[in-house]
PDB file of N, CA and C in Angstrom:
ATOM      1  N   MET A   1      14.033 -17.989  -2.649  1.00  0.00           N
ATOM      2  CA  MET A   1      12.598 -18.051  -2.574  1.00  0.00           C
ATOM      3  C   MET A   1      12.113 -17.711  -1.162  1.00  0.00           C
ATOM      4  N   LYS A   2      12.794 -18.238  -0.152  1.00  0.00           N
ATOM      5  CA  LYS A   2      12.407 -17.933   1.230  1.00  0.00           C
ATOM      6  C   LYS A   2      12.555 -16.452   1.535  1.00  0.00           C
ATOM      7  N   GLU A   3      13.600 -15.834   0.946  1.00  0.00           N
ATOM      8  CA  GLU A   3      13.804 -14.405   1.161  1.00  0.00           C
ATOM      9  C   GLU A   3      12.643 -13.601   0.599  1.00  0.00           C
ATOM     10  N   SER A   4      12.111 -14.029  -0.545  1.00  0.00           N
ATOM     11  CA  SER A   4      10.981 -13.341  -1.151  1.00  0.00           C
ATOM     12  C   SER A   4       9.751 -13.424  -0.268  1.00  0.00           C
ATOM     13  N   ILE A   5       9.521 -14.575   0.317  1.00  0.00           N
ATOM     14  CA  ILE A   5       8.361 -14.756   1.189  1.00  0.00           C
ATOM     15  C   ILE A   5       8.510 -13.898   2.445  1.00  0.00           C
ATOM     16  N   LYS A   6       9.707 -13.828   2.999  1.00  0.00           N
ATOM     17  CA  LYS A   6       9.947 -12.971   4.166  1.00  0.00           C
ATOM     18  C   LYS A   6       9.715 -11.507   3.823  1.00  0.00           C
ATOM     19  N   ALA A   7      10.216 -11.079   2.664  1.00  0.00           N
ATOM     20  CA  ALA A   7      10.056  -9.690   2.238  1.00  0.00           C
ATOM     21  C   ALA A   7       8.580  -9.370   2.044  1.00  0.00           C
ATOM     22  N   TYR A   8       7.842 -10.285   1.441  1.00  0.00           N
ATOM     23  CA  TYR A   8       6.405 -10.120   1.205  1.00  0.00           C
ATOM     24  C   TYR A   8       5.668  -9.913   2.524  1.00  0.00           C
ATOM     25  N   SER A   9       5.922 -10.752   3.488  1.00  0.00           N
ATOM     26  CA  SER A   9       5.267 -10.645   4.801  1.00  0.00           C
ATOM     27  C   SER A   9       5.646  -9.353   5.509  1.00  0.00           C
ATOM     28  N   LYS A  10       6.906  -8.986   5.424  1.00  0.00           N
ATOM     29  CA  LYS A  10       7.380  -7.762   6.066  1.00  0.00           C
ATOM     30  C   LYS A  10       6.717  -6.531   5.445  1.00  0.00           C
ATOM     31  N   GLN A  11       6.614  -6.513   4.131  1.00  0.00           N
ATOM     32  CA  GLN A  11       6.011  -5.378   3.437  1.00  0.00           C
ATOM     33  C   GLN A  11       4.534  -5.241   3.777  1.00  0.00           C
ATOM     34  N   LYS A  12       3.819  -6.349   3.776  1.00  0.00           N
ATOM     35  CA  LYS A  12       2.392  -6.317   4.138  1.00  0.00           C
ATOM     36  C   LYS A  12       2.209  -5.768   5.542  1.00  0.00           C
ATOM     37  N   SER A  13       2.980  -6.248   6.478  1.00  0.00           N
ATOM     38  CA  SER A  13       2.878  -5.797   7.869  1.00  0.00           C
ATOM     39  C   SER A  13       3.202  -4.315   7.998  1.00  0.00           C
ATOM     40  N   LEU A  14       4.217  -3.874   7.297  1.00  0.00           N
ATOM     41  CA  LEU A  14       4.623  -2.476   7.377  1.00  0.00           C
ATOM     42  C   LEU A  14       3.532  -1.548   6.838  1.00  0.00           C
ATOM     43  N   ILE A  15       2.954  -1.888   5.716  1.00  0.00           N
ATOM     44  CA  ILE A  15       1.904  -1.049   5.136  1.00  0.00           C
ATOM     45  C   ILE A  15       0.676  -1.027   6.033  1.00  0.00           C
ATOM     46  N   LYS A  16       0.266  -2.183   6.541  1.00  0.00           N
ATOM     47  CA  LYS A  16      -0.891  -2.221   7.443  1.00  0.00           C
ATOM     48  C   LYS A  16      -0.634  -1.391   8.698  1.00  0.00           C
ATOM     49  N   LYS A  17       0.561  -1.500   9.249  1.00  0.00           N
ATOM     50  CA  LYS A  17       0.911  -0.735  10.444  1.00  0.00           C
ATOM     51  C   LYS A  17       0.882   0.765  10.152  1.00  0.00           C
ATOM     52  N   ALA A  18       1.460   1.166   9.030  1.00  0.00           N
ATOM     53  CA  ALA A  18       1.494   2.587   8.662  1.00  0.00           C
ATOM     54  C   ALA A  18       0.076   3.131   8.526  1.00  0.00           C
ATOM     55  N   LEU A  19      -0.785   2.400   7.853  1.00  0.00           N
ATOM     56  CA  LEU A  19      -2.158   2.872   7.641  1.00  0.00           C
ATOM     57  C   LEU A  19      -2.961   2.880   8.941  1.00  0.00           C
ATOM     58  N   ARG A  20      -2.809   1.854   9.752  1.00  0.00           N
ATOM     59  CA  ARG A  20      -3.510   1.834  11.050  1.00  0.00           C
ATOM     60  C   ARG A  20      -3.076   3.005  11.926  1.00  0.00           C
ATOM     61  N   ASN A  21      -1.770   3.244  11.980  1.00  0.00           N
ATOM     62  CA  ASN A  21      -1.239   4.342  12.796  1.00  0.00           C
ATOM     63  C   ASN A  21      -1.671   5.711  12.280  1.00  0.00           C
ATOM     64  N   ALA A  22      -2.049   5.790  11.003  1.00  0.00           N
ATOM     65  CA  ALA A  22      -2.526   7.044  10.411  1.00  0.00           C
ATOM     66  C   ALA A  22      -4.058   7.106  10.465  1.00  0.00           C
ATOM     67  N   ASP A  23      -4.671   6.238  11.249  1.00  0.00           N
ATOM     68  CA  ASP A  23      -6.119   6.208  11.467  1.00  0.00           C
ATOM     69  C   ASP A  23      -6.936   5.788  10.252  1.00  0.00           C
ATOM     70  N   PHE A  24      -6.363   4.990   9.379  1.00  0.00           N
ATOM     71  CA  PHE A  24      -7.144   4.414   8.284  1.00  0.00           C
ATOM     72  C   PHE A  24      -7.908   3.217   8.831  1.00  0.00           C
ATOM     73  N   GLU A  25      -9.060   2.973   8.234  1.00  0.00           N
ATOM     74  CA  GLU A  25      -9.920   1.872   8.661  1.00  0.00           C
ATOM     75  C   GLU A  25     -10.225   0.977   7.469  1.00  0.00           C
ATOM     76  N   ASN A  26     -10.852  -0.146   7.778  1.00  0.00           N
ATOM     77  CA  ASN A  26     -11.317  -1.072   6.750  1.00  0.00           C
ATOM     78  C   ASN A  26     -10.207  -1.383   5.744  1.00  0.00           C
ATOM     79  N   ILE A  27      -9.042  -1.731   6.252  1.00  0.00           N
ATOM     80  CA  ILE A  27      -7.889  -2.048   5.410  1.00  0.00           C
ATOM     81  C   ILE A  27      -8.092  -3.465   4.866  1.00  0.00           C
ATOM     82  N   LYS A  28      -8.239  -3.553   3.566  1.00  0.00           N
ATOM     83  CA  LYS A  28      -8.464  -4.836   2.895  1.00  0.00           C
ATOM     84  C   LYS A  28      -7.302  -5.105   1.957  1.00  0.00           C
ATOM     85  N   ILE A  29      -6.721  -6.301   2.064  1.00  0.00           N
ATOM     86  CA  ILE A  29      -5.584  -6.660   1.224  1.00  0.00           C
ATOM     87  C   ILE A  29      -5.932  -7.895   0.405  1.00  0.00           C
ATOM     88  N   SER A  30      -5.642  -7.811  -0.888  1.00  0.00           N
ATOM     89  CA  SER A  30      -5.786  -8.951  -1.791  1.00  0.00           C
ATOM     90  C   SER A  30      -4.389  -9.500  -2.045  1.00  0.00           C
ATOM     91  N   ASN A  31      -4.215 -10.756  -1.750  1.00  0.00           N
ATOM     92  CA  ASN A  31      -2.903 -11.372  -1.876  1.00  0.00           C
ATOM     93  C   ASN A  31      -2.700 -12.000  -3.240  1.00  0.00           C
ATOM     94  N   GLY A  32      -1.581 -11.657  -3.854  1.00  0.00           N
ATOM     95  CA  GLY A  32      -1.111 -12.380  -5.019  1.00  0.00           C
ATOM     96  C   GLY A  32      -0.082 -13.374  -4.492  1.00  0.00           C
ATOM     97  N   TYR A  33       0.590 -14.053  -5.374  1.00  0.00           N
ATOM     98  CA  TYR A  33       1.566 -15.021  -4.890  1.00  0.00           C
ATOM     99  C   TYR A  33       2.772 -14.325  -4.276  1.00  0.00           C
ATOM    100  N   TYR A  34       3.282 -13.288  -4.938  1.00  0.00           N
ATOM    101  CA  TYR A  34       4.410 -12.528  -4.410  1.00  0.00           C
ATOM    102  C   TYR A  34       4.163 -11.024  -4.464  1.00  0.00           C
ATOM    103  N   TYR A  35       2.939 -10.622  -4.566  1.00  0.00           N
ATOM    104  CA  TYR A  35       2.587  -9.211  -4.583  1.00  0.00           C
ATOM    105  C   TYR A  35       1.251  -9.059  -3.878  1.00  0.00           C
ATOM    106  N   PHE A  36       0.881  -7.841  -3.578  1.00  0.00           N
ATOM    107  CA  PHE A  36      -0.424  -7.615  -2.987  1.00  0.00           C
ATOM    108  C   PHE A  36      -0.908  -6.219  -3.311  1.00  0.00           C
ATOM    109  N   SER A  37      -2.188  -6.030  -3.156  1.00  0.00           N
ATOM    110  CA  SER A  37      -2.795  -4.719  -3.334  1.00  0.00           C
ATOM    111  C   SER A  37      -3.947  -4.625  -2.356  1.00  0.00           C
ATOM    112  N   GLY A  38      -4.460  -3.424  -2.182  1.00  0.00           N
ATOM    113  CA  GLY A  38      -5.561  -3.295  -1.250  1.00  0.00           C
ATOM    114  C   GLY A  38      -6.151  -1.904  -1.224  1.00  0.00           C
ATOM    115  N   PHE A  39      -7.082  -1.749  -0.316  1.00  0.00           N
ATOM    116  CA  PHE A  39      -7.798  -0.493  -0.149  1.00  0.00           C
ATOM    117  C   PHE A  39      -7.869  -0.162   1.332  1.00  0.00           C
ATOM    118  N   ALA A  40      -8.021   1.111   1.614  1.00  0.00           N
ATOM    119  CA  ALA A  40      -8.206   1.573   2.993  1.00  0.00           C
ATOM    120  C   ALA A  40      -9.038   2.847   2.945  1.00  0.00           C
ATOM    121  N   THR A  41      -9.680   3.154   4.068  1.00  0.00           N
ATOM    122  CA  THR A  41     -10.573   4.312   4.143  1.00  0.00           C
ATOM    123  C   THR A  41     -10.194   5.196   5.320  1.00  0.00           C
ATOM    124  N   LYS A  42     -10.289   6.506   5.086  1.00  0.00           N
ATOM    125  CA  LYS A  42     -10.113   7.489   6.151  1.00  0.00           C
ATOM    126  C   LYS A  42     -11.061   8.646   5.860  1.00  0.00           C
ATOM    127  N   ASN A  43     -11.890   8.969   6.837  1.00  0.00           N
ATOM    128  CA  ASN A  43     -12.865  10.055   6.675  1.00  0.00           C
ATOM    129  C   ASN A  43     -13.709   9.880   5.412  1.00  0.00           C
ATOM    130  N   ASP A  44     -14.155   8.679   5.163  1.00  0.00           N
ATOM    131  CA  ASP A  44     -14.974   8.326   3.990  1.00  0.00           C
ATOM    132  C   ASP A  44     -14.242   8.474   2.658  1.00  0.00           C
ATOM    133  N   ASN A  45     -12.946   8.745   2.674  1.00  0.00           N
ATOM    134  CA  ASN A  45     -12.139   8.815   1.457  1.00  0.00           C
ATOM    135  C   ASN A  45     -11.328   7.529   1.345  1.00  0.00           C
ATOM    136  N   LYS A  46     -11.251   7.007   0.139  1.00  0.00           N
ATOM    137  CA  LYS A  46     -10.601   5.721  -0.074  1.00  0.00           C
ATOM    138  C   LYS A  46      -9.310   5.861  -0.867  1.00  0.00           C
ATOM    139  N   ILE A  47      -8.378   4.967  -0.548  1.00  0.00           N
ATOM    140  CA  ILE A  47      -7.146   4.875  -1.317  1.00  0.00           C
ATOM    141  C   ILE A  47      -6.953   3.429  -1.763  1.00  0.00           C
ATOM    142  N   TYR A  48      -6.239   3.291  -2.849  1.00  0.00           N
ATOM    143  CA  TYR A  48      -5.800   1.986  -3.354  1.00  0.00           C
ATOM    144  C   TYR A  48      -4.282   1.957  -3.193  1.00  0.00           C
ATOM    145  N   PHE A  49      -3.734   0.828  -2.795  1.00  0.00           N
ATOM    146  CA  PHE A  49      -2.283   0.685  -2.679  1.00  0.00           C
ATOM    147  C   PHE A  49      -1.861  -0.655  -3.252  1.00  0.00           C
ATOM    148  N   SER A  50      -0.639  -0.713  -3.748  1.00  0.00           N
ATOM    149  CA  SER A  50      -0.116  -1.984  -4.236  1.00  0.00           C
ATOM    150  C   SER A  50       1.399  -1.969  -4.179  1.00  0.00           C
ATOM    151  N   ILE A  51       1.929  -3.152  -4.178  1.00  0.00           N
ATOM    152  CA  ILE A  51       3.371  -3.327  -4.208  1.00  0.00           C
ATOM    153  C   ILE A  51       3.674  -4.406  -5.244  1.00  0.00           C
ATOM    154  N   PRO A  52       4.709  -4.216  -6.064  1.00  0.00           N
ATOM    155  CA  PRO A  52       4.991  -5.179  -7.133  1.00  0.00           C
ATOM    156  C   PRO A  52       5.564  -6.487  -6.597  1.00  0.00           C
ATOM    157  N   ASP A  53       5.734  -7.402  -7.482  1.00  0.00           N
ATOM    158  CA  ASP A  53       6.273  -8.727  -7.186  1.00  0.00           C
ATOM    159  C   ASP A  53       7.621  -8.594  -6.477  1.00  0.00           C
ATOM    160  N   VAL A  54       7.704  -9.085  -5.246  1.00  0.00           N
ATOM    161  CA  VAL A  54       8.917  -8.930  -4.430  1.00  0.00           C
ATOM    162  C   VAL A  54      10.111  -9.696  -4.985  1.00  0.00           C
ATOM    163  N   ARG A  55       9.891 -10.639  -5.861  1.00  0.00           N
ATOM    164  CA  ARG A  55      11.018 -11.387  -6.429  1.00  0.00           C
ATOM    165  C   ARG A  55      11.871 -10.520  -7.342  1.00  0.00           C
ATOM    166  N   HIS A  56      11.344  -9.380  -7.756  1.00  0.00           N
ATOM    167  CA  HIS A  56      12.106  -8.477  -8.613  1.00  0.00           C
ATOM    168  C   HIS A  56      13.025  -7.561  -7.800  1.00  0.00           C
ATOM    169  N   PHE A  57      12.951  -7.653  -6.481  1.00  0.00           N
ATOM    170  CA  PHE A  57      13.755  -6.800  -5.603  1.00  0.00           C
ATOM    171  C   PHE A  57      14.452  -7.641  -4.536  1.00  0.00           C
ATOM    172  N   PRO A  58      15.184  -8.697  -4.951  1.00  0.00           N
ATOM    173  CA  PRO A  58      15.746  -9.625  -3.972  1.00  0.00           C
ATOM    174  C   PRO A  58      16.864  -9.061  -3.103  1.00  0.00           C
ATOM    175  N   SER A  59      17.620  -8.090  -3.599  1.00  0.00           N
ATOM    176  CA  SER A  59      18.775  -7.617  -2.827  1.00  0.00           C
ATOM    177  C   SER A  59      18.349  -6.923  -1.542  1.00  0.00           C
ATOM    178  N   LYS A  60      17.422  -5.988  -1.630  1.00  0.00           N
ATOM    179  CA  LYS A  60      16.947  -5.291  -0.438  1.00  0.00           C
ATOM    180  C   LYS A  60      15.559  -5.755  -0.039  1.00  0.00           C
ATOM    181  N   GLY A  61      14.861  -6.412  -0.943  1.00  0.00           N
ATOM    182  CA  GLY A  61      13.506  -6.845  -0.658  1.00  0.00           C
ATOM    183  C   GLY A  61      12.536  -5.686  -0.583  1.00  0.00           C
ATOM    184  N   GLU A  62      12.889  -4.553  -1.211  1.00  0.00           N
ATOM    185  CA  GLU A  62      12.034  -3.374  -1.131  1.00  0.00           C
ATOM    186  C   GLU A  62      11.688  -2.857  -2.521  1.00  0.00           C
ATOM    187  N   ALA A  63      10.534  -2.266  -2.600  1.00  0.00           N
ATOM    188  CA  ALA A  63      10.087  -1.635  -3.836  1.00  0.00           C
ATOM    189  C   ALA A  63       9.278  -0.417  -3.456  1.00  0.00           C
ATOM    190  N   ASP A  64       8.999   0.410  -4.426  1.00  0.00           N
ATOM    191  CA  ASP A  64       8.134   1.547  -4.158  1.00  0.00           C
ATOM    192  C   ASP A  64       6.701   1.076  -3.995  1.00  0.00           C
ATOM    193  N   VAL A  65       5.976   1.791  -3.164  1.00  0.00           N
ATOM    194  CA  VAL A  65       4.568   1.513  -2.933  1.00  0.00           C
ATOM    195  C   VAL A  65       3.764   2.471  -3.802  1.00  0.00           C
ATOM    196  N   LEU A  66       2.832   1.929  -4.578  1.00  0.00           N
ATOM    197  CA  LEU A  66       1.931   2.748  -5.370  1.00  0.00           C
ATOM    198  C   LEU A  66       0.708   3.057  -4.509  1.00  0.00           C
ATOM    199  N   ILE A  67       0.322   4.319  -4.444  1.00  0.00           N
ATOM    200  CA  ILE A  67      -0.869   4.723  -3.700  1.00  0.00           C
ATOM    201  C   ILE A  67      -1.615   5.738  -4.547  1.00  0.00           C
ATOM    202  N   ARG A  68      -2.926   5.575  -4.645  1.00  0.00           N
ATOM    203  CA  ARG A  68      -3.734   6.539  -5.387  1.00  0.00           C
ATOM    204  C   ARG A  68      -5.136   6.613  -4.797  1.00  0.00           C
ATOM    205  N   LYS A  69      -5.837   7.665  -5.134  1.00  0.00           N
ATOM    206  CA  LYS A  69      -7.221   7.826  -4.698  1.00  0.00           C
ATOM    207  C   LYS A  69      -8.073   6.752  -5.351  1.00  0.00           C
ATOM    208  N   ALA A  70      -9.154   6.380  -4.669  1.00  0.00           N
ATOM    209  CA  ALA A  70     -10.089   5.401  -5.224  1.00  0.00           C
ATOM    210  C   ALA A  70     -11.509   5.851  -4.919  1.00  0.00           C
ATOM    211  N   ASN A  71     -12.411   5.523  -5.819  1.00  0.00           N
ATOM    212  CA  ASN A  71     -13.823   5.845  -5.605  1.00  0.00           C
ATOM    213  C   ASN A  71     -14.507   4.825  -4.708  1.00  0.00           C
ATOM    214  N   ASP A  72     -14.069   3.566  -4.817  1.00  0.00           N
ATOM    215  CA  ASP A  72     -14.631   2.482  -4.014  1.00  0.00           C
ATOM    216  C   ASP A  72     -13.616   1.343  -3.967  1.00  0.00           C
ATOM    217  N   TYR A  73     -14.003   0.236  -3.347  1.00  0.00           N
ATOM    218  CA  TYR A  73     -13.077  -0.879  -3.169  1.00  0.00           C
ATOM    219  C   TYR A  73     -12.980  -1.784  -4.401  1.00  0.00           C
ATOM    220  N   LYS A  74     -13.481  -1.330  -5.514  1.00  0.00           N
ATOM    221  CA  LYS A  74     -13.322  -2.055  -6.778  1.00  0.00           C
ATOM    222  C   LYS A  74     -12.680  -1.156  -7.827  1.00  0.00           C
ATOM    223  N   ASP A  75     -12.213  -0.005  -7.399  1.00  0.00           N
ATOM    224  CA  ASP A  75     -11.623   0.986  -8.302  1.00  0.00           C
ATOM    225  C   ASP A  75     -10.122   0.741  -8.420  1.00  0.00           C
ATOM    226  N   TYR A  76      -9.745  -0.172  -9.311  1.00  0.00           N
ATOM    227  CA  TYR A  76      -8.339  -0.525  -9.498  1.00  0.00           C
ATOM    228  C   TYR A  76      -7.617   0.420 -10.453  1.00  0.00           C
ATOM    229  N   SER A  77      -8.336   1.330 -11.080  1.00  0.00           N
ATOM    230  CA  SER A  77      -7.696   2.220 -12.048  1.00  0.00           C
ATOM    231  C   SER A  77      -7.992   3.684 -11.749  1.00  0.00           C
ATOM    232  N   GLY A  78      -8.305   3.983 -10.519  1.00  0.00           N
ATOM    233  CA  GLY A  78      -8.728   5.311 -10.073  1.00  0.00           C
ATOM    234  C   GLY A  78      -7.842   6.470 -10.448  1.00  0.00           C
ATOM    235  N   GLY A  79      -7.455   7.248  -9.481  1.00  0.00           N
ATOM    236  CA  GLY A  79      -6.713   8.491  -9.692  1.00  0.00           C
ATOM    237  C   GLY A  79      -5.301   8.287 -10.190  1.00  0.00           C
ATOM    238  N   SER A  80      -4.555   9.368 -10.184  1.00  0.00           N
ATOM    239  CA  SER A  80      -3.161   9.361 -10.643  1.00  0.00           C
ATOM    240  C   SER A  80      -2.289   8.510  -9.734  1.00  0.00           C
ATOM    241  N   ASN A  81      -1.321   7.837 -10.345  1.00  0.00           N
ATOM    242  CA  ASN A  81      -0.380   7.028  -9.577  1.00  0.00           C
ATOM    243  C   ASN A  81       0.574   7.923  -8.802  1.00  0.00           C
ATOM    244  N   ASN A  82       0.783   7.579  -7.540  1.00  0.00           N
ATOM    245  CA  ASN A  82       1.741   8.253  -6.666  1.00  0.00           C
ATOM    246  C   ASN A  82       2.592   7.167  -6.027  1.00  0.00           C
ATOM    247  N   PHE A  83       3.860   7.445  -5.843  1.00  0.00           N
ATOM    248  CA  PHE A  83       4.759   6.436  -5.290  1.00  0.00           C
ATOM    249  C   PHE A  83       5.521   6.992  -4.099  1.00  0.00           C
ATOM    250  N   CYS A  84       5.805   6.094  -3.173  1.00  0.00           N
ATOM    251  CA  CYS A  84       6.667   6.434  -2.043  1.00  0.00           C
ATOM    252  C   CYS A  84       7.480   5.200  -1.695  1.00  0.00           C
ATOM    253  N   SER A  85       8.497   5.401  -0.901  1.00  0.00           N
ATOM    254  CA  SER A  85       9.311   4.258  -0.491  1.00  0.00           C
ATOM    255  C   SER A  85       8.566   3.466   0.574  1.00  0.00           C
ATOM    256  N   LEU A  86       9.071   2.305   0.848  1.00  0.00           N
ATOM    257  CA  LEU A  86       8.468   1.434   1.850  1.00  0.00           C
ATOM    258  C   LEU A  86       8.940   1.889   3.235  1.00  0.00           C
ATOM    259  N   ASP A  87       8.446   3.042   3.629  1.00  0.00           N
ATOM    260  CA  ASP A  87       8.800   3.680   4.888  1.00  0.00           C
ATOM    261  C   ASP A  87       7.496   4.121   5.557  1.00  0.00           C
ATOM    262  N   ILE A  88       7.333   3.813   6.818  1.00  0.00           N
ATOM    263  CA  ILE A  88       6.075   4.100   7.516  1.00  0.00           C
ATOM    264  C   ILE A  88       5.686   5.569   7.389  1.00  0.00           C
ATOM    265  N   GLN A  89       6.615   6.461   7.642  1.00  0.00           N
ATOM    266  CA  GLN A  89       6.285   7.887   7.587  1.00  0.00           C
ATOM    267  C   GLN A  89       5.908   8.343   6.175  1.00  0.00           C
ATOM    268  N   GLU A  90       6.613   7.846   5.180  1.00  0.00           N
ATOM    269  CA  GLU A  90       6.291   8.235   3.802  1.00  0.00           C
ATOM    270  C   GLU A  90       4.926   7.695   3.373  1.00  0.00           C
ATOM    271  N   ILE A  91       4.617   6.475   3.750  1.00  0.00           N
ATOM    272  CA  ILE A  91       3.311   5.890   3.438  1.00  0.00           C
ATOM    273  C   ILE A  91       2.205   6.701   4.106  1.00  0.00           C
ATOM    274  N   GLN A  92       2.402   7.039   5.362  1.00  0.00           N
ATOM    275  CA  GLN A  92       1.401   7.831   6.087  1.00  0.00           C
ATOM    276  C   GLN A  92       1.236   9.215   5.464  1.00  0.00           C
ATOM    277  N   GLN A  93       2.342   9.838   5.141  1.00  0.00           N
ATOM    278  CA  GLN A  93       2.313  11.183   4.571  1.00  0.00           C
ATOM    279  C   GLN A  93       1.554  11.214   3.244  1.00  0.00           C
ATOM    280  N   LEU A  94       1.880  10.308   2.344  1.00  0.00           N
ATOM    281  CA  LEU A  94       1.233  10.270   1.041  1.00  0.00           C
ATOM    282  C   LEU A  94      -0.236   9.873   1.176  1.00  0.00           C
ATOM    283  N   SER A  95      -0.538   8.898   2.001  1.00  0.00           N
ATOM    284  CA  SER A  95      -1.925   8.457   2.194  1.00  0.00           C
ATOM    285  C   SER A  95      -2.774   9.575   2.780  1.00  0.00           C
ATOM    286  N   ASN A  96      -2.231  10.259   3.769  1.00  0.00           N
ATOM    287  CA  ASN A  96      -2.967  11.382   4.368  1.00  0.00           C
ATOM    288  C   ASN A  96      -3.159  12.515   3.371  1.00  0.00           C
ATOM    289  N   TYR A  97      -2.138  12.802   2.586  1.00  0.00           N
ATOM    290  CA  TYR A  97      -2.257  13.846   1.570  1.00  0.00           C
ATOM    291  C   TYR A  97      -3.385  13.521   0.588  1.00  0.00           C
ATOM    292  N   LEU A  98      -3.431  12.276   0.123  1.00  0.00           N
ATOM    293  CA  LEU A  98      -4.436  11.885  -0.861  1.00  0.00           C
ATOM    294  C   LEU A  98      -5.855  11.913  -0.286  1.00  0.00           C
ATOM    295  N   THR A  99      -6.013  11.555   0.962  1.00  0.00           N
ATOM    296  CA  THR A  99      -7.363  11.560   1.547  1.00  0.00           C
ATOM    297  C   THR A  99      -7.794  12.958   1.951  1.00  0.00           C
ATOM    298  N   ASN A 100      -6.857  13.835   2.222  1.00  0.00           N
ATOM    299  CA  ASN A 100      -7.218  15.214   2.582  1.00  0.00           C
ATOM    300  C   ASN A 100      -7.459  16.084   1.357  1.00  0.00           C
ATOM    301  N   SER A 101      -6.958  15.666   0.206  1.00  0.00           N
ATOM    302  CA  SER A 101      -7.088  16.508  -0.975  1.00  0.00           C
ATOM    303  C   SER A 101      -8.200  16.048  -1.911  1.00  0.00           C
ATOM    304  N   LEU A 102      -9.065  15.194  -1.428  1.00  0.00           N
ATOM    305  CA  LEU A 102     -10.182  14.730  -2.275  1.00  0.00           C
ATOM    306  C   LEU A 102     -11.229  15.803  -2.426  1.00  0.00           C
TER     307      LEU A 102
END
């Protein structure tokens, strides 16, 4: 259980860092018990991101990050689902691609 909480905190920090470093603003995260989702904005374009329940990935504590375009901060079912690994560069690359291709 402690490992899940550590993984959860690490994942949240990594995603926030990746988005901040890619010049995203207004990063809002909604916390679940062992999962989270959120929104971020860059150049007036919004993305939605989420990560599944970390208890399902106890060995490495990692899962794919879902990222998609969003119309606003209540658009939980927006554009097509896109996935990347929990890697700063991959998160930045996919997020930038989605905001530049709107």
